Amino acid sequence: MNSDTKLFFFALGIPIAGLIYCGLGITAMATVTGVREHPLLSGGLFFFIPFLTAAFIWMRASAKVYRKDG
């Protein structure tokens, strides 16, 4: 897989994954009573899952670059 193909999948994959994640969150808010009863906890989890995933990917890529240079 060349870099153009990777960029194509990345450019399409991120928005589609975001739409699916938001759809799952809205569906959970509409159907699961536990999510409606604990809005701060469920909202925090809904926020922190993509945030921590992005932080993990960023730190992993950054560590790979520093390892290559050093």
Protein backbone atom coordinates (compact mmCIF):
# COMPACT_ATOMS: atom_id res chain seq x y z
CA MET A 1 0.00 0.00 0.00
CA ASN A 2 1.60 3.26 -1.08
CA SER A 3 1.34 6.61 0.70
CA ASP A 4 -1.39 7.94 -1.62
CA THR A 5 -3.65 5.00 -0.82
CA LYS A 6 -2.97 5.41 2.91
CA LEU A 7 -3.80 9.11 2.72
CA PHE A 8 -7.01 8.34 0.81
CA PHE A 9 -8.16 5.86 3.47
CA PHE A 10 -7.11 8.27 6.23
CA ALA A 11 -8.97 11.20 4.66
CA LEU A 12 -12.15 9.14 4.25
CA GLY A 13 -11.79 6.97 7.33
CA ILE A 14 -11.58 9.68 9.97
CA PRO A 15 -14.86 11.47 9.05
CA ILE A 16 -16.73 8.20 8.54
CA ALA A 17 -15.46 6.83 11.86
CA GLY A 18 -16.50 10.10 13.52
CA LEU A 19 -20.00 9.89 12.07
CA ILE A 20 -20.36 6.29 13.22
CA TYR A 21 -19.08 7.19 16.70
CA CYS A 22 -21.51 10.11 17.00
CA GLY A 23 -24.35 7.92 15.77
CA LEU A 24 -23.54 5.31 18.40
CA GLY A 25 -23.45 8.01 21.07
CA ILE A 26 -26.79 9.46 20.06
CA THR A 27 -28.30 6.00 19.88
CA ALA A 28 -26.97 5.19 23.33
CA MET A 29 -28.41 8.45 24.72
CA ALA A 30 -31.79 7.69 23.21
CA THR A 31 -32.05 4.03 24.23
CA VAL A 32 -29.94 3.29 27.32
CA THR A 33 -31.40 4.57 30.57
CA GLY A 34 -28.05 4.39 32.38
CA VAL A 35 -26.60 6.92 29.96
CA ARG A 36 -29.49 9.31 30.59
CA GLU A 37 -29.28 8.85 34.37
CA HIS A 38 -25.55 9.65 34.51
CA PRO A 39 -24.96 12.40 31.93
CA LEU A 40 -21.63 13.64 33.31
CA LEU A 41 -20.09 10.19 33.40
CA SER A 42 -21.38 9.16 29.99
CA GLY A 43 -20.45 12.52 28.46
CA GLY A 44 -16.98 12.29 29.94
CA LEU A 45 -16.51 8.81 28.53
CA PHE A 46 -17.90 9.92 25.18
CA PHE A 47 -15.32 12.73 25.14
CA PHE A 48 -12.31 10.90 26.54
CA ILE A 49 -12.41 7.78 24.34
CA PRO A 50 -11.51 9.63 21.09
CA PHE A 51 -9.28 12.08 22.97
CA LEU A 52 -7.18 9.31 24.52
CA THR A 53 -7.08 7.41 21.24
CA ALA A 54 -5.76 10.49 19.42
CA ALA A 55 -3.23 11.18 22.19
CA PHE A 56 -2.00 7.58 22.03
CA ILE A 57 -1.59 7.70 18.24
CA TRP A 58 0.17 11.06 18.41
CA MET A 59 2.58 10.01 21.15
CA ARG A 60 3.34 6.71 19.41
CA ALA A 61 4.14 8.48 16.14
CA SER A 62 6.22 11.08 17.95
CA ALA A 63 8.17 8.40 19.82
CA LYS A 64 8.81 6.59 16.53
CA VAL A 65 10.29 9.77 15.03
CA TYR A 66 12.49 10.47 18.07
CA ARG A 67 13.68 6.87 18.11
CA LYS A 68 14.61 7.12 14.43
CA ASP A 69 16.55 10.40 14.91
CA GLY A 70 18.33 9.38 18.11
